Every structure is written in C-alpha cells, then in structure tokens.
Amino acid sequence: MSWAMDELEARANAQLNSLYELNERYEAISVRETSADDLVTVEVDGVGALTGLWLAPGANEIGGQRLGEQIVATAALAAQRAFAKRASITEEFNESFADLVNSRPRTD
C-alpha cells in the first residue's frame, strides 16, 4: 500500500509544481511597445499594468492631449500583446495539467 501513497504524493507534487511554474511564467511576462512615431515607449506586465514609460526628446511638442492619447494607445497595444502571451501560456498549461490530472496511477 505504501507504493500507492508514494504514487499519490508524486502526482500531487507534480501538479503543485506545475501550478508554481504557471505562476512564474505569468510573473515573467513583460511587453515593451513603441508608438509608430517613436515618441512613446511603454512596458507592461502580464496583467497589463504599466511598469515603464519612456518619452523621446520632443514628445512634449505634440501637445498634452495628443501625448496622453498616444501613451494610452501604446499601453493598450502592449497590454493586448501581454494578454496574448498570457493566453498562450494558459492554453499550454491547461493541456499539460489535464494530462497530469488524467494520468492514472500504476496498479501493479
């Protein structure tokens, strides 16, 4: 009976490690995007939160409203890319985790 508990523990540890790895991959997501005119560069994390903002020399010359709109648009594009990465990671995880959950312990 000890082998059955060992098998159960090994499967549970594999599933837990898979969840930890998923979280690490989410936390590692970072996307940097630059506006078409190269005046605004933003960086976002895996949940789309702004983690960096760089303005090129002359960015203030386009006016506050336009600059603000450009920052928001560039950040939105970066967030879309971050969400796409997150979705891809989630899809990979779902497939591999389903295999872990559905695997059957040995019966010998």
PDB file of N, CA and C in Angstrom:
ATOM      1  N   MET A   1       0.817  -1.193   0.000  1.00  0.00           N
ATOM      2  CA  MET A   1       0.000   0.000   0.000  1.00  0.00           C
ATOM      3  C   MET A   1       0.862   1.258   0.000  1.00  0.00           C
ATOM      4  N   SER A   2       2.081   1.160   0.464  1.00  0.00           N
ATOM      5  CA  SER A   2       2.985   2.301   0.509  1.00  0.00           C
ATOM      6  C   SER A   2       3.255   2.866  -0.878  1.00  0.00           C
ATOM      7  N   TRP A   3       3.355   1.971  -1.876  1.00  0.00           N
ATOM      8  CA  TRP A   3       3.602   2.454  -3.234  1.00  0.00           C
ATOM      9  C   TRP A   3       2.449   3.316  -3.726  1.00  0.00           C
ATOM     10  N   ALA A   4       1.209   2.996  -3.302  1.00  0.00           N
ATOM     11  CA  ALA A   4       0.048   3.778  -3.725  1.00  0.00           C
ATOM     12  C   ALA A   4       0.123   5.194  -3.153  1.00  0.00           C
ATOM     13  N   MET A   5       0.521   5.308  -1.899  1.00  0.00           N
ATOM     14  CA  MET A   5       0.667   6.633  -1.289  1.00  0.00           C
ATOM     15  C   MET A   5       1.823   7.402  -1.936  1.00  0.00           C
ATOM     16  N   ASP A   6       2.904   6.692  -2.227  1.00  0.00           N
ATOM     17  CA  ASP A   6       4.045   7.323  -2.895  1.00  0.00           C
ATOM     18  C   ASP A   6       3.627   7.858  -4.269  1.00  0.00           C
ATOM     19  N   GLU A   7       2.849   7.057  -4.961  1.00  0.00           N
ATOM     20  CA  GLU A   7       2.355   7.453  -6.292  1.00  0.00           C
ATOM     21  C   GLU A   7       1.435   8.674  -6.183  1.00  0.00           C
ATOM     22  N   LEU A   8       0.537   8.657  -5.211  1.00  0.00           N
ATOM     23  CA  LEU A   8      -0.380   9.772  -4.997  1.00  0.00           C
ATOM     24  C   LEU A   8       0.387  11.039  -4.644  1.00  0.00           C
ATOM     25  N   GLU A   9       1.367  10.908  -3.774  1.00  0.00           N
ATOM     26  CA  GLU A   9       2.171  12.062  -3.380  1.00  0.00           C
ATOM     27  C   GLU A   9       2.965  12.612  -4.572  1.00  0.00           C
ATOM     28  N   ALA A  10       3.515  11.734  -5.372  1.00  0.00           N
ATOM     29  CA  ALA A  10       4.278  12.165  -6.549  1.00  0.00           C
ATOM     30  C   ALA A  10       3.379  12.914  -7.537  1.00  0.00           C
ATOM     31  N   ARG A  11       2.174  12.398  -7.741  1.00  0.00           N
ATOM     32  CA  ARG A  11       1.244  13.069  -8.657  1.00  0.00           C
ATOM     33  C   ARG A  11       0.832  14.435  -8.116  1.00  0.00           C
ATOM     34  N   ALA A  12       0.554  14.507  -6.813  1.00  0.00           N
ATOM     35  CA  ALA A  12       0.172  15.784  -6.203  1.00  0.00           C
ATOM     36  C   ALA A  12       1.315  16.787  -6.289  1.00  0.00           C
ATOM     37  N   ASN A  13       2.540  16.340  -6.052  1.00  0.00           N
ATOM     38  CA  ASN A  13       3.700  17.232  -6.159  1.00  0.00           C
ATOM     39  C   ASN A  13       3.898  17.717  -7.592  1.00  0.00           C
ATOM     40  N   ALA A  14       3.703  16.837  -8.548  1.00  0.00           N
ATOM     41  CA  ALA A  14       3.843  17.233  -9.958  1.00  0.00           C
ATOM     42  C   ALA A  14       2.801  18.293 -10.312  1.00  0.00           C
ATOM     43  N   GLN A  15       1.574  18.113  -9.827  1.00  0.00           N
ATOM     44  CA  GLN A  15       0.520  19.087 -10.103  1.00  0.00           C
ATOM     45  C   GLN A  15       0.817  20.422  -9.430  1.00  0.00           C
ATOM     46  N   LEU A  16       1.273  20.379  -8.199  1.00  0.00           N
ATOM     47  CA  LEU A  16       1.619  21.598  -7.478  1.00  0.00           C
ATOM     48  C   LEU A  16       2.781  22.327  -8.146  1.00  0.00           C
ATOM     49  N   ASN A  17       3.785  21.581  -8.544  1.00  0.00           N
ATOM     50  CA  ASN A  17       4.922  22.197  -9.252  1.00  0.00           C
ATOM     51  C   ASN A  17       4.489  22.833 -10.561  1.00  0.00           C
ATOM     52  N   SER A  18       3.539  22.205 -11.218  1.00  0.00           N
ATOM     53  CA  SER A  18       3.017  22.760 -12.462  1.00  0.00           C
ATOM     54  C   SER A  18       2.326  24.101 -12.210  1.00  0.00           C
ATOM     55  N   LEU A  19       1.594  24.186 -11.104  1.00  0.00           N
ATOM     56  CA  LEU A  19       0.934  25.449 -10.745  1.00  0.00           C
ATOM     57  C   LEU A  19       1.957  26.529 -10.399  1.00  0.00           C
ATOM     58  N   TYR A  20       3.006  26.162  -9.672  1.00  0.00           N
ATOM     59  CA  TYR A  20       4.065  27.123  -9.361  1.00  0.00           C
ATOM     60  C   TYR A  20       4.734  27.637 -10.631  1.00  0.00           C
ATOM     61  N   GLU A  21       4.989  26.727 -11.560  1.00  0.00           N
ATOM     62  CA  GLU A  21       5.614  27.114 -12.826  1.00  0.00           C
ATOM     63  C   GLU A  21       4.708  28.056 -13.614  1.00  0.00           C
ATOM     64  N   LEU A  22       3.415  27.785 -13.608  1.00  0.00           N
ATOM     65  CA  LEU A  22       2.457  28.670 -14.288  1.00  0.00           C
ATOM     66  C   LEU A  22       2.555  30.076 -13.719  1.00  0.00           C
ATOM     67  N   ASN A  23       2.551  30.179 -12.407  1.00  0.00           N
ATOM     68  CA  ASN A  23       2.637  31.488 -11.765  1.00  0.00           C
ATOM     69  C   ASN A  23       3.942  32.195 -12.122  1.00  0.00           C
ATOM     70  N   GLU A  24       5.044  31.474 -12.138  1.00  0.00           N
ATOM     71  CA  GLU A  24       6.335  32.066 -12.504  1.00  0.00           C
ATOM     72  C   GLU A  24       6.321  32.571 -13.942  1.00  0.00           C
ATOM     73  N   ARG A  25       5.705  31.809 -14.817  1.00  0.00           N
ATOM     74  CA  ARG A  25       5.632  32.230 -16.221  1.00  0.00           C
ATOM     75  C   ARG A  25       4.767  33.474 -16.373  1.00  0.00           C
ATOM     76  N   TYR A  26       3.657  33.554 -15.619  1.00  0.00           N
ATOM     77  CA  TYR A  26       2.828  34.752 -15.639  1.00  0.00           C
ATOM     78  C   TYR A  26       3.621  35.958 -15.145  1.00  0.00           C
ATOM     79  N   GLU A  27       4.328  35.774 -14.045  1.00  0.00           N
ATOM     80  CA  GLU A  27       5.080  36.887 -13.466  1.00  0.00           C
ATOM     81  C   GLU A  27       6.231  37.346 -14.366  1.00  0.00           C
ATOM     82  N   ALA A  28       6.711  36.488 -15.227  1.00  0.00           N
ATOM     83  CA  ALA A  28       7.821  36.829 -16.113  1.00  0.00           C
ATOM     84  C   ALA A  28       7.385  37.596 -17.363  1.00  0.00           C
ATOM     85  N   ILE A  29       6.094  37.687 -17.595  1.00  0.00           N
ATOM     86  CA  ILE A  29       5.614  38.384 -18.794  1.00  0.00           C
ATOM     87  C   ILE A  29       5.942  39.870 -18.683  1.00  0.00           C
ATOM     88  N   SER A  30       6.564  40.373 -19.729  1.00  0.00           N
ATOM     89  CA  SER A  30       6.863  41.798 -19.838  1.00  0.00           C
ATOM     90  C   SER A  30       6.861  42.138 -21.320  1.00  0.00           C
ATOM     91  N   VAL A  31       6.080  43.135 -21.669  1.00  0.00           N
ATOM     92  CA  VAL A  31       5.965  43.533 -23.076  1.00  0.00           C
ATOM     93  C   VAL A  31       6.294  45.008 -23.198  1.00  0.00           C
ATOM     94  N   ARG A  32       7.171  45.314 -24.143  1.00  0.00           N
ATOM     95  CA  ARG A  32       7.530  46.704 -24.423  1.00  0.00           C
ATOM     96  C   ARG A  32       7.036  47.038 -25.824  1.00  0.00           C
ATOM     97  N   GLU A  33       6.383  48.184 -25.932  1.00  0.00           N
ATOM     98  CA  GLU A  33       5.811  48.633 -27.208  1.00  0.00           C
ATOM     99  C   GLU A  33       6.175  50.096 -27.413  1.00  0.00           C
ATOM    100  N   THR A  34       6.476  50.437 -28.670  1.00  0.00           N
ATOM    101  CA  THR A  34       6.817  51.812 -29.026  1.00  0.00           C
ATOM    102  C   THR A  34       5.814  52.322 -30.048  1.00  0.00           C
ATOM    103  N   SER A  35       5.420  53.577 -29.891  1.00  0.00           N
ATOM    104  CA  SER A  35       4.473  54.193 -30.826  1.00  0.00           C
ATOM    105  C   SER A  35       5.094  54.279 -32.220  1.00  0.00           C
ATOM    106  N   ALA A  36       4.240  54.418 -33.210  1.00  0.00           N
ATOM    107  CA  ALA A  36       4.702  54.447 -34.601  1.00  0.00           C
ATOM    108  C   ALA A  36       5.689  55.578 -34.866  1.00  0.00           C
ATOM    109  N   ASP A  37       5.548  56.690 -34.163  1.00  0.00           N
ATOM    110  CA  ASP A  37       6.449  57.824 -34.381  1.00  0.00           C
ATOM    111  C   ASP A  37       7.667  57.799 -33.450  1.00  0.00           C
ATOM    112  N   ASP A  38       7.815  56.716 -32.689  1.00  0.00           N
ATOM    113  CA  ASP A  38       8.954  56.515 -31.772  1.00  0.00           C
ATOM    114  C   ASP A  38       9.026  57.528 -30.634  1.00  0.00           C
ATOM    115  N   LEU A  39       7.947  58.227 -30.354  1.00  0.00           N
ATOM    116  CA  LEU A  39       7.973  59.214 -29.269  1.00  0.00           C
ATOM    117  C   LEU A  39       7.644  58.605 -27.911  1.00  0.00           C
ATOM    118  N   VAL A  40       6.870  57.535 -27.909  1.00  0.00           N
ATOM    119  CA  VAL A  40       6.409  56.924 -26.661  1.00  0.00           C
ATOM    120  C   VAL A  40       6.778  55.448 -26.644  1.00  0.00           C
ATOM    121  N   THR A  41       7.373  55.022 -25.557  1.00  0.00           N
ATOM    122  CA  THR A  41       7.628  53.601 -25.330  1.00  0.00           C
ATOM    123  C   THR A  41       7.070  53.251 -23.957  1.00  0.00           C
ATOM    124  N   VAL A  42       6.323  52.160 -23.921  1.00  0.00           N
ATOM    125  CA  VAL A  42       5.743  51.703 -22.654  1.00  0.00           C
ATOM    126  C   VAL A  42       6.134  50.252 -22.426  1.00  0.00           C
ATOM    127  N   GLU A  43       6.072  49.858 -21.177  1.00  0.00           N
ATOM    128  CA  GLU A  43       6.281  48.466 -20.804  1.00  0.00           C
ATOM    129  C   GLU A  43       5.164  48.081 -19.849  1.00  0.00           C
ATOM    130  N   VAL A  44       4.596  46.888 -20.061  1.00  0.00           N
ATOM    131  CA  VAL A  44       3.532  46.391 -19.199  1.00  0.00           C
ATOM    132  C   VAL A  44       3.876  44.987 -18.723  1.00  0.00           C
ATOM    133  N   ASP A  45       3.240  44.596 -17.623  1.00  0.00           N
ATOM    134  CA  ASP A  45       3.433  43.241 -17.115  1.00  0.00           C
ATOM    135  C   ASP A  45       2.323  42.328 -17.633  1.00  0.00           C
ATOM    136  N   GLY A  46       2.250  41.135 -17.077  1.00  0.00           N
ATOM    137  CA  GLY A  46       1.306  40.133 -17.561  1.00  0.00           C
ATOM    138  C   GLY A  46      -0.155  40.428 -17.324  1.00  0.00           C
ATOM    139  N   VAL A  47      -0.446  41.399 -16.469  1.00  0.00           N
ATOM    140  CA  VAL A  47      -1.845  41.797 -16.263  1.00  0.00           C
ATOM    141  C   VAL A  47      -2.140  43.139 -16.916  1.00  0.00           C
ATOM    142  N   GLY A  48      -1.192  43.617 -17.719  1.00  0.00           N
ATOM    143  CA  GLY A  48      -1.385  44.861 -18.454  1.00  0.00           C
ATOM    144  C   GLY A  48      -1.064  46.113 -17.669  1.00  0.00           C
ATOM    145  N   ALA A  49      -0.510  45.964 -16.474  1.00  0.00           N
ATOM    146  CA  ALA A  49      -0.164  47.137 -15.661  1.00  0.00           C
ATOM    147  C   ALA A  49       1.100  47.794 -16.202  1.00  0.00           C
ATOM    148  N   LEU A  50       1.080  49.089 -16.258  1.00  0.00           N
ATOM    149  CA  LEU A  50       2.219  49.855 -16.755  1.00  0.00           C
ATOM    150  C   LEU A  50       3.391  49.723 -15.785  1.00  0.00           C
ATOM    151  N   THR A  51       4.533  49.274 -16.299  1.00  0.00           N
ATOM    152  CA  THR A  51       5.732  49.124 -15.470  1.00  0.00           C
ATOM    153  C   THR A  51       6.862  50.033 -15.933  1.00  0.00           C
ATOM    154  N   GLY A  52       6.692  50.656 -17.092  1.00  0.00           N
ATOM    155  CA  GLY A  52       7.702  51.575 -17.591  1.00  0.00           C
ATOM    156  C   GLY A  52       7.120  52.510 -18.634  1.00  0.00           C
ATOM    157  N   LEU A  53       7.627  53.724 -18.642  1.00  0.00           N
ATOM    158  CA  LEU A  53       7.187  54.731 -19.614  1.00  0.00           C
ATOM    159  C   LEU A  53       8.385  55.593 -19.983  1.00  0.00           C
ATOM    160  N   TRP A  54       8.675  55.665 -21.280  1.00  0.00           N
ATOM    161  CA  TRP A  54       9.784  56.476 -21.775  1.00  0.00           C
ATOM    162  C   TRP A  54       9.259  57.397 -22.869  1.00  0.00           C
ATOM    163  N   LEU A  55       9.641  58.665 -22.767  1.00  0.00           N
ATOM    164  CA  LEU A  55       9.254  59.655 -23.770  1.00  0.00           C
ATOM    165  C   LEU A  55      10.517  60.127 -24.468  1.00  0.00           C
ATOM    166  N   ALA A  56      10.471  60.124 -25.781  1.00  0.00           N
ATOM    167  CA  ALA A  56      11.612  60.559 -26.574  1.00  0.00           C
ATOM    168  C   ALA A  56      11.711  62.083 -26.534  1.00  0.00           C
ATOM    169  N   PRO A  57      12.883  62.617 -26.771  1.00  0.00           N
ATOM    170  CA  PRO A  57      13.007  64.075 -26.864  1.00  0.00           C
ATOM    171  C   PRO A  57      12.023  64.612 -27.907  1.00  0.00           C
ATOM    172  N   GLY A  58      11.352  65.653 -27.561  1.00  0.00           N
ATOM    173  CA  GLY A  58      10.376  66.256 -28.468  1.00  0.00           C
ATOM    174  C   GLY A  58       8.966  65.740 -28.285  1.00  0.00           C
ATOM    175  N   ALA A  59       8.778  64.761 -27.406  1.00  0.00           N
ATOM    176  CA  ALA A  59       7.436  64.207 -27.203  1.00  0.00           C
ATOM    177  C   ALA A  59       6.472  65.267 -26.688  1.00  0.00           C
ATOM    178  N   ASN A  60       6.969  66.201 -25.886  1.00  0.00           N
ATOM    179  CA  ASN A  60       6.100  67.238 -25.332  1.00  0.00           C
ATOM    180  C   ASN A  60       5.633  68.232 -26.393  1.00  0.00           C
ATOM    181  N   GLU A  61       6.260  68.228 -27.546  1.00  0.00           N
ATOM    182  CA  GLU A  61       5.919  69.186 -28.605  1.00  0.00           C
ATOM    183  C   GLU A  61       4.622  68.828 -29.333  1.00  0.00           C
ATOM    184  N   ILE A  62       4.107  67.621 -29.131  1.00  0.00           N
ATOM    185  CA  ILE A  62       2.860  67.251 -29.824  1.00  0.00           C
ATOM    186  C   ILE A  62       1.624  67.652 -29.025  1.00  0.00           C
ATOM    187  N   GLY A  63       1.827  68.212 -27.861  1.00  0.00           N
ATOM    188  CA  GLY A  63       0.704  68.673 -27.032  1.00  0.00           C
ATOM    189  C   GLY A  63       0.287  67.623 -26.025  1.00  0.00           C
ATOM    190  N   GLY A  64      -0.209  68.108 -24.908  1.00  0.00           N
ATOM    191  CA  GLY A  64      -0.565  67.228 -23.805  1.00  0.00           C
ATOM    192  C   GLY A  64      -1.639  66.215 -24.126  1.00  0.00           C
ATOM    193  N   GLN A  65      -2.704  66.654 -24.790  1.00  0.00           N
ATOM    194  CA  GLN A  65      -3.803  65.745 -25.093  1.00  0.00           C
ATOM    195  C   GLN A  65      -3.349  64.651 -26.048  1.00  0.00           C
ATOM    196  N   ARG A  66      -2.674  65.029 -27.110  1.00  0.00           N
ATOM    197  CA  ARG A  66      -2.216  64.037 -28.089  1.00  0.00           C
ATOM    198  C   ARG A  66      -1.193  63.093 -27.462  1.00  0.00           C
ATOM    199  N   LEU A  67      -0.303  63.638 -26.640  1.00  0.00           N
ATOM    200  CA  LEU A  67       0.690  62.795 -25.983  1.00  0.00           C
ATOM    201  C   LEU A  67      -0.006  61.797 -25.052  1.00  0.00           C
ATOM    202  N   GLY A  68      -0.973  62.263 -24.301  1.00  0.00           N
ATOM    203  CA  GLY A  68      -1.728  61.371 -23.419  1.00  0.00           C
ATOM    204  C   GLY A  68      -2.433  60.271 -24.182  1.00  0.00           C
ATOM    205  N   GLU A  69      -3.046  60.636 -25.278  1.00  0.00           N
ATOM    206  CA  GLU A  69      -3.735  59.643 -26.112  1.00  0.00           C
ATOM    207  C   GLU A  69      -2.745  58.626 -26.667  1.00  0.00           C
ATOM    208  N   GLN A  70      -1.576  59.109 -27.040  1.00  0.00           N
ATOM    209  CA  GLN A  70      -0.560  58.215 -27.598  1.00  0.00           C
ATOM    210  C   GLN A  70      -0.028  57.259 -26.528  1.00  0.00           C
ATOM    211  N   ILE A  71       0.144  57.752 -25.316  1.00  0.00           N
ATOM    212  CA  ILE A  71       0.583  56.887 -24.215  1.00  0.00           C
ATOM    213  C   ILE A  71      -0.454  55.796 -23.967  1.00  0.00           C
ATOM    214  N   VAL A  72      -1.720  56.196 -23.899  1.00  0.00           N
ATOM    215  CA  VAL A  72      -2.790  55.229 -23.641  1.00  0.00           C
ATOM    216  C   VAL A  72      -2.888  54.211 -24.784  1.00  0.00           C
ATOM    217  N   ALA A  73      -2.828  54.666 -26.013  1.00  0.00           N
ATOM    218  CA  ALA A  73      -2.929  53.754 -27.159  1.00  0.00           C
ATOM    219  C   ALA A  73      -1.759  52.779 -27.200  1.00  0.00           C
ATOM    220  N   THR A  74      -0.571  53.278 -26.926  1.00  0.00           N
ATOM    221  CA  THR A  74       0.609  52.412 -26.945  1.00  0.00           C
ATOM    222  C   THR A  74       0.551  51.406 -25.806  1.00  0.00           C
ATOM    223  N   ALA A  75       0.105  51.856 -24.633  1.00  0.00           N
ATOM    224  CA  ALA A  75      -0.045  50.952 -23.494  1.00  0.00           C
ATOM    225  C   ALA A  75      -1.120  49.900 -23.765  1.00  0.00           C
ATOM    226  N   ALA A  76      -2.182  50.289 -24.417  1.00  0.00           N
ATOM    227  CA  ALA A  76      -3.250  49.331 -24.749  1.00  0.00           C
ATOM    228  C   ALA A  76      -2.738  48.260 -25.699  1.00  0.00           C
ATOM    229  N   LEU A  77      -1.933  48.655 -26.674  1.00  0.00           N
ATOM    230  CA  LEU A  77      -1.361  47.680 -27.604  1.00  0.00           C
ATOM    231  C   LEU A  77      -0.414  46.726 -26.875  1.00  0.00           C
ATOM    232  N   ALA A  78       0.402  47.260 -25.990  1.00  0.00           N
ATOM    233  CA  ALA A  78       1.308  46.420 -25.207  1.00  0.00           C
ATOM    234  C   ALA A  78       0.506  45.455 -24.338  1.00  0.00           C
ATOM    235  N   ALA A  79      -0.566  45.944 -23.728  1.00  0.00           N
ATOM    236  CA  ALA A  79      -1.403  45.090 -22.885  1.00  0.00           C
ATOM    237  C   ALA A  79      -2.040  43.970 -23.703  1.00  0.00           C
ATOM    238  N   GLN A  80      -2.486  44.272 -24.908  1.00  0.00           N
ATOM    239  CA  GLN A  80      -3.055  43.238 -25.776  1.00  0.00           C
ATOM    240  C   GLN A  80      -2.029  42.146 -26.044  1.00  0.00           C
ATOM    241  N   ARG A  81      -0.801  42.548 -26.318  1.00  0.00           N
ATOM    242  CA  ARG A  81       0.263  41.564 -26.561  1.00  0.00           C
ATOM    243  C   ARG A  81       0.557  40.753 -25.300  1.00  0.00           C
ATOM    244  N   ALA A  82       0.540  41.407 -24.141  1.00  0.00           N
ATOM    245  CA  ALA A  82       0.767  40.699 -22.874  1.00  0.00           C
ATOM    246  C   ALA A  82      -0.357  39.690 -22.619  1.00  0.00           C
ATOM    247  N   PHE A  83      -1.599  40.094 -22.906  1.00  0.00           N
ATOM    248  CA  PHE A  83      -2.730  39.188 -22.706  1.00  0.00           C
ATOM    249  C   PHE A  83      -2.650  38.002 -23.668  1.00  0.00           C
ATOM    250  N   ALA A  84      -2.163  38.238 -24.869  1.00  0.00           N
ATOM    251  CA  ALA A  84      -1.999  37.142 -25.828  1.00  0.00           C
ATOM    252  C   ALA A  84      -0.943  36.155 -25.324  1.00  0.00           C
ATOM    253  N   LYS A  85       0.144  36.677 -24.763  1.00  0.00           N
ATOM    254  CA  LYS A  85       1.158  35.791 -24.180  1.00  0.00           C
ATOM    255  C   LYS A  85       0.565  35.003 -23.021  1.00  0.00           C
ATOM    256  N   ARG A  86      -0.190  35.680 -22.180  1.00  0.00           N
ATOM    257  CA  ARG A  86      -0.815  35.032 -21.025  1.00  0.00           C
ATOM    258  C   ARG A  86      -1.775  33.935 -21.487  1.00  0.00           C
ATOM    259  N   ALA A  87      -2.542  34.210 -22.525  1.00  0.00           N
ATOM    260  CA  ALA A  87      -3.483  33.219 -23.054  1.00  0.00           C
ATOM    261  C   ALA A  87      -2.748  32.002 -23.599  1.00  0.00           C
ATOM    262  N   SER A  88      -1.638  32.233 -24.276  1.00  0.00           N
ATOM    263  CA  SER A  88      -0.847  31.129 -24.819  1.00  0.00           C
ATOM    264  C   SER A  88      -0.281  30.264 -23.692  1.00  0.00           C
ATOM    265  N   ILE A  89       0.237  30.921 -22.662  1.00  0.00           N
ATOM    266  CA  ILE A  89       0.765  30.193 -21.505  1.00  0.00           C
ATOM    267  C   ILE A  89      -0.350  29.394 -20.830  1.00  0.00           C
ATOM    268  N   THR A  90      -1.515  29.997 -20.700  1.00  0.00           N
ATOM    269  CA  THR A  90      -2.652  29.329 -20.064  1.00  0.00           C
ATOM    270  C   THR A  90      -3.090  28.114 -20.872  1.00  0.00           C
ATOM    271  N   GLU A  91      -3.113  28.259 -22.181  1.00  0.00           N
ATOM    272  CA  GLU A  91      -3.507  27.145 -23.042  1.00  0.00           C
ATOM    273  C   GLU A  91      -2.534  25.978 -22.906  1.00  0.00           C
ATOM    274  N   GLU A  92      -1.238  26.288 -22.919  1.00  0.00           N
ATOM    275  CA  GLU A  92      -0.224  25.236 -22.730  1.00  0.00           C
ATOM    276  C   GLU A  92      -0.399  24.562 -21.369  1.00  0.00           C
ATOM    277  N   PHE A  93      -0.623  25.383 -20.340  1.00  0.00           N
ATOM    278  CA  PHE A  93      -0.803  24.840 -19.001  1.00  0.00           C
ATOM    279  C   PHE A  93      -2.018  23.925 -18.944  1.00  0.00           C
ATOM    280  N   ASN A  94      -3.135  24.369 -19.496  1.00  0.00           N
ATOM    281  CA  ASN A  94      -4.361  23.572 -19.447  1.00  0.00           C
ATOM    282  C   ASN A  94      -4.160  22.195 -20.072  1.00  0.00           C
ATOM    283  N   GLU A  95      -3.441  22.155 -21.188  1.00  0.00           N
ATOM    284  CA  GLU A  95      -3.192  20.880 -21.854  1.00  0.00           C
ATOM    285  C   GLU A  95      -2.306  19.979 -21.000  1.00  0.00           C
ATOM    286  N   SER A  96      -1.212  20.530 -20.485  1.00  0.00           N
ATOM    287  CA  SER A  96      -0.301  19.699 -19.704  1.00  0.00           C
ATOM    288  C   SER A  96      -0.896  19.327 -18.350  1.00  0.00           C
ATOM    289  N   PHE A  97      -1.647  20.235 -17.746  1.00  0.00           N
ATOM    290  CA  PHE A  97      -2.243  19.929 -16.450  1.00  0.00           C
ATOM    291  C   PHE A  97      -3.329  18.872 -16.592  1.00  0.00           C
ATOM    292  N   ALA A  98      -4.079  18.929 -17.666  1.00  0.00           N
ATOM    293  CA  ALA A  98      -5.101  17.912 -17.903  1.00  0.00           C
ATOM    294  C   ALA A  98      -4.450  16.540 -17.999  1.00  0.00           C
ATOM    295  N   ASP A  99      -3.296  16.472 -18.635  1.00  0.00           N
ATOM    296  CA  ASP A  99      -2.573  15.204 -18.713  1.00  0.00           C
ATOM    297  C   ASP A  99      -2.165  14.721 -17.324  1.00  0.00           C
ATOM    298  N   LEU A 100      -1.705  15.653 -16.481  1.00  0.00           N
ATOM    299  CA  LEU A 100      -1.326  15.277 -15.118  1.00  0.00           C
ATOM    300  C   LEU A 100      -2.523  14.768 -14.320  1.00  0.00           C
ATOM    301  N   VAL A 101      -3.636  15.479 -14.427  1.00  0.00           N
ATOM    302  CA  VAL A 101      -4.827  15.118 -13.659  1.00  0.00           C
ATOM    303  C   VAL A 101      -5.405  13.793 -14.149  1.00  0.00           C
ATOM    304  N   ASN A 102      -5.370  13.588 -15.447  1.00  0.00           N
ATOM    305  CA  ASN A 102      -5.976  12.395 -16.020  1.00  0.00           C
ATOM    306  C   ASN A 102      -5.077  11.170 -15.988  1.00  0.00           C
ATOM    307  N   SER A 103      -3.826  11.353 -15.641  1.00  0.00           N
ATOM    308  CA  SER A 103      -2.929  10.189 -15.596  1.00  0.00           C
ATOM    309  C   SER A 103      -3.378   9.271 -14.471  1.00  0.00           C
ATOM    310  N   ARG A 104      -3.292   8.013 -14.736  1.00  0.00           N
ATOM    311  CA  ARG A 104      -3.736   7.007 -13.769  1.00  0.00           C
ATOM    312  C   ARG A 104      -2.527   6.423 -13.048  1.00  0.00           C
ATOM    313  N   PRO A 105      -2.668   6.229 -11.768  1.00  0.00           N
ATOM    314  CA  PRO A 105      -1.563   5.597 -11.037  1.00  0.00           C
ATOM    315  C   PRO A 105      -1.381   4.156 -11.482  1.00  0.00           C
ATOM    316  N   ARG A 106      -0.174   3.677 -11.285  1.00  0.00           N
ATOM    317  CA  ARG A 106       0.107   2.266 -11.614  1.00  0.00           C
ATOM    318  C   ARG A 106      -0.743   1.379 -10.723  1.00  0.00           C
ATOM    319  N   THR A 107      -1.073   0.230 -11.236  1.00  0.00           N
ATOM    320  CA  THR A 107      -1.881  -0.726 -10.457  1.00  0.00           C
ATOM    321  C   THR A 107      -1.105  -1.983 -10.115  1.00  0.00           C
ATOM    322  N   ASP A 108       0.200  -1.980 -10.340  1.00  0.00           N
ATOM    323  CA  ASP A 108       0.964  -3.194 -10.016  1.00  0.00           C
ATOM    324  C   ASP A 108       1.548  -3.154  -8.646  1.00  0.00           C
TER     325      ASP A 108
END
